[in-house]
Protein backbone atom coordinates (compact mmCIF):
# COMPACT_ATOMS: atom_id res chain seq x y z
CA UNK A 1 103.07 100.04 77.80
CA UNK A 2 102.89 96.39 79.00
CA UNK A 3 106.75 96.82 79.22
CA UNK A 4 106.04 99.40 82.01
CA UNK A 5 102.96 97.86 83.79
CA UNK A 6 105.20 94.79 84.15
CA UNK A 7 108.59 96.65 85.65
CA UNK A 8 105.74 98.21 87.96
CA UNK A 9 104.10 95.01 88.86
CA UNK A 10 107.86 93.12 89.38
CA UNK A 11 109.00 96.23 91.59
CA UNK A 12 105.80 96.05 93.81
CA UNK A 13 105.65 92.05 94.50
CA UNK A 14 108.19 89.73 92.73
CA UNK A 15 111.25 91.69 93.22
CA UNK A 16 110.13 94.10 96.07
CA UNK A 17 112.78 96.04 97.47
CA UNK A 18 111.98 95.01 100.99
CA UNK A 19 111.23 91.51 101.13
CA UNK A 20 113.37 90.01 98.38
CA UNK A 21 116.35 91.57 98.39
CA UNK A 22 116.03 92.99 102.14
CA UNK A 23 117.32 96.53 102.03
CA UNK A 24 115.66 98.94 104.18
CA UNK A 25 115.00 96.01 107.07
CA UNK A 26 115.97 98.59 109.51
CA UNK A 27 113.53 101.08 109.72
CA UNK A 28 110.36 98.52 108.43
CA UNK A 29 111.00 96.89 112.22
CA UNK A 30 111.40 99.49 114.31
CA UNK A 31 108.39 101.78 112.42
CA UNK A 32 106.00 98.69 111.82
CA UNK A 33 104.88 99.00 115.57
CA UNK A 34 102.51 101.46 114.43
CA UNK A 35 100.24 101.31 111.76
CA UNK A 36 99.93 105.60 110.86
CA UNK A 37 103.70 105.75 111.72
CA UNK A 38 104.37 102.86 109.04
CA UNK A 39 101.52 104.36 106.28
CA UNK A 40 103.24 107.89 106.88
CA UNK A 41 107.42 106.33 106.88
CA UNK A 42 105.87 104.11 103.65
CA UNK A 43 104.48 107.59 101.78
CA UNK A 44 107.78 109.46 102.66
CA UNK A 45 109.57 106.56 100.82
CA UNK A 46 107.23 106.61 98.05
CA UNK A 47 107.84 110.58 97.09
CA UNK A 48 111.49 109.65 97.53
CA UNK A 49 111.96 107.24 95.45
CA UNK A 50 109.49 108.78 93.14
CA UNK A 51 112.29 111.53 92.72
CA UNK A 52 115.28 110.15 93.21
CA UNK A 53 115.65 107.39 91.11
CA UNK A 54 114.93 110.00 87.79
CA UNK A 55 116.76 112.80 89.11
CA UNK A 56 120.06 110.00 89.63
CA UNK A 57 119.56 109.03 86.19
CA UNK A 58 119.41 112.27 84.52
CA UNK A 59 122.89 112.92 86.86
CA UNK A 60 124.43 110.12 86.04
CA UNK A 61 123.63 110.00 82.28
CA UNK A 62 124.77 113.79 81.47
CA UNK A 63 127.49 114.25 84.17
CA UNK A 64 128.63 110.92 85.69
CA UNK A 65 128.59 107.80 83.27
CA UNK A 66 131.03 107.07 80.48
CA UNK A 67 130.65 109.50 77.96
CA UNK A 68 127.98 111.34 79.76
CA UNK A 69 129.97 114.93 79.42
CA UNK A 70 130.03 114.46 75.30
CA UNK A 71 127.53 117.45 75.75
CA UNK A 72 130.93 119.23 77.12
CA UNK A 73 133.23 118.36 74.41
CA UNK A 74 134.24 115.75 76.60
CA UNK A 75 133.53 112.44 76.11
CA UNK A 76 136.27 110.63 77.12
CA UNK A 77 136.07 111.70 81.35
CA UNK A 78 134.10 109.22 83.39
CA UNK A 79 133.07 110.27 86.94
CA UNK A 80 131.22 106.99 87.49
CA UNK A 81 133.01 106.59 90.92
CA UNK A 82 131.48 109.84 92.15
CA UNK A 83 128.07 107.66 92.09
CA UNK A 84 127.97 106.73 95.58
CA UNK A 85 128.56 110.08 96.90
CA UNK A 86 126.41 111.89 94.32
CA UNK A 87 123.00 109.91 94.66
CA UNK A 88 123.28 109.76 98.68
CA UNK A 89 123.63 113.77 98.33
CA UNK A 90 120.64 114.05 95.99
CA UNK A 91 118.58 111.94 97.94
CA UNK A 92 119.69 113.53 101.43
CA UNK A 93 118.07 116.63 99.74
CA UNK A 94 115.01 115.36 98.82
CA UNK A 95 114.91 113.92 102.04
CA UNK A 96 115.24 117.05 103.64
CA UNK A 97 112.07 118.53 101.45
CA UNK A 98 109.91 115.62 102.90
CA UNK A 99 111.18 116.46 106.35
CA UNK A 100 109.86 120.07 106.19
CA UNK A 101 106.83 119.10 104.95
CA UNK A 102 106.24 116.38 107.42
CA UNK A 103 106.79 119.12 109.71
CA UNK A 104 104.37 121.83 108.44
CA UNK A 105 101.48 119.79 108.37
CA UNK A 106 101.56 116.70 110.23
CA UNK A 107 104.19 117.56 113.40
CA UNK A 108 102.29 114.55 115.46
CA UNK A 109 103.64 112.23 112.79
CA UNK A 110 106.67 113.94 112.53
CA UNK A 111 107.16 113.73 116.06
CA UNK A 112 106.31 109.83 115.63
CA UNK A 113 108.52 109.44 113.26
CA UNK A 114 111.56 110.42 115.11
CA UNK A 115 114.96 109.72 114.14
CA UNK A 116 113.92 107.55 111.58
CA UNK A 117 112.67 110.13 108.97
CA UNK A 118 116.19 111.87 108.63
CA UNK A 119 117.35 108.37 108.32
CA UNK A 120 115.36 107.21 104.84
CA UNK A 121 118.36 109.72 103.41
CA UNK A 122 120.78 106.93 104.55
CA UNK A 123 117.99 103.92 103.73
CA UNK A 124 119.56 101.16 101.74
CA UNK A 125 116.30 100.85 100.15
CA UNK A 126 116.66 104.30 98.28
CA UNK A 127 120.24 103.86 97.72
CA UNK A 128 119.69 100.72 95.99
CA UNK A 129 117.03 101.85 94.35
CA UNK A 130 119.35 104.09 92.15
CA UNK A 131 122.00 101.27 91.54
CA UNK A 132 119.70 98.59 90.35
CA UNK A 133 118.10 101.35 87.67
CA UNK A 134 122.19 102.09 86.71
CA UNK A 135 123.13 98.22 86.50
CA UNK A 136 119.74 97.35 85.02
CA UNK A 137 120.18 100.46 82.31
CA UNK A 138 116.44 101.39 82.48
CA UNK A 139 115.56 104.18 80.48
CA UNK A 140 114.39 107.40 82.00
CA UNK A 141 110.61 106.59 81.56
CA UNK A 142 111.50 102.85 83.21
CA UNK A 143 113.42 104.90 85.90
CA UNK A 144 110.47 106.60 86.85
CA UNK A 145 108.14 103.52 86.87
CA UNK A 146 110.65 100.94 89.08
CA UNK A 147 111.32 104.21 91.61
CA UNK A 148 107.47 104.41 91.88
CA UNK A 149 107.23 101.06 92.02
CA UNK A 150 109.64 100.31 94.48
CA UNK A 151 108.96 102.41 96.56
CA UNK A 152 104.65 101.34 96.73
CA UNK A 153 105.86 97.93 97.10
CA UNK A 154 107.73 99.18 100.10
CA UNK A 155 104.62 101.13 101.45
CA UNK A 156 102.85 97.64 101.08
CA UNK A 157 105.24 95.79 102.86
CA UNK A 158 105.10 97.92 105.77
CA UNK A 159 101.99 98.56 105.67
CA UNK A 160 101.48 94.82 105.93
CA UNK A 161 103.59 93.85 109.09
CA UNK A 162 102.53 96.90 110.76
CA UNK A 163 98.61 95.03 110.56
CA UNK A 164 100.06 92.24 111.54
CA UNK A 165 101.83 93.02 114.50
CA UNK A 166 98.59 94.78 115.92
CA UNK A 167 97.30 91.78 115.14
CA UNK A 168 99.95 89.82 117.11
CA UNK A 169 99.73 91.45 120.36
CA UNK A 170 96.69 89.33 120.90
CA UNK A 171 98.24 86.09 119.96
CA UNK A 172 100.17 83.68 122.21
CA UNK A 173 103.37 83.86 120.47
CA UNK A 174 106.23 82.08 122.37
CA UNK A 175 108.20 84.16 124.81
CA UNK A 176 111.48 82.94 122.98
CA UNK A 177 110.11 84.52 119.84
CA UNK A 178 108.73 87.92 120.95
CA UNK A 179 109.53 91.07 119.60
CA UNK A 180 112.39 90.48 116.63
CA UNK A 181 112.00 86.66 116.36
CA UNK A 182 108.47 87.13 115.23
CA UNK A 183 108.71 89.93 113.53
CA UNK A 184 111.25 88.22 110.98
CA UNK A 185 109.85 84.81 110.70
CA UNK A 186 106.30 86.98 109.89
CA UNK A 187 109.22 89.08 107.19
CA UNK A 188 110.09 85.64 106.05
CA UNK A 189 106.51 84.66 105.46
CA UNK A 190 105.63 87.62 103.66
CA UNK A 191 108.38 87.43 101.39
CA UNK A 192 107.33 83.77 100.06
CA UNK A 193 103.78 84.91 100.03
CA UNK A 194 104.90 87.46 97.68
CA UNK A 195 106.75 85.65 95.80
CA UNK A 196 103.70 83.97 94.63
CA UNK A 197 103.12 86.29 92.13
CA UNK A 198 106.03 85.02 90.31
CA UNK A 199 104.19 82.89 88.18
CA UNK A 200 102.08 86.30 86.39
CA UNK A 201 102.51 87.52 83.08
CA UNK A 202 101.88 90.83 82.04
């Protein structure tokens, strides 16, 4: 249990998929203008990551990985070269479900998210989480915790950025840094602040 909590804590803060590996920066920068929209997209990312990480784990370990088809009498078959396209297909299917749910229950949020909602399907943070899961040889339970933690970390990061950008509207930002420049500086400062947690043990 301690190991699982440590994995969750690390994926939220120290190994934050956004601020440590800078995956998913496009939607992070574009959608963090509004706190409400940022929360909506962040929750969608949490849901997609929590579902796709264990789903892709099952697909990899029972169909794609070395020896995965032993149950079918084909232990020599290795379909690992298909993991990219298979993972993306799984992610796209989950994103479609999220898109339909948001469109049904929150049309305003659906409109505000615009093109960035379907773009979750090609969000490098979503695919990166599944690839990290395979590379690090996580168990099924660890993949669930890692997926949820990575999504929660992404949500915390985009909510924090959105809140800061609201405050910065009233700040005297130098003309040359307004917009993208100050956003990148704040992102770097946020990344350094999250690293403070690296000294904590669980």
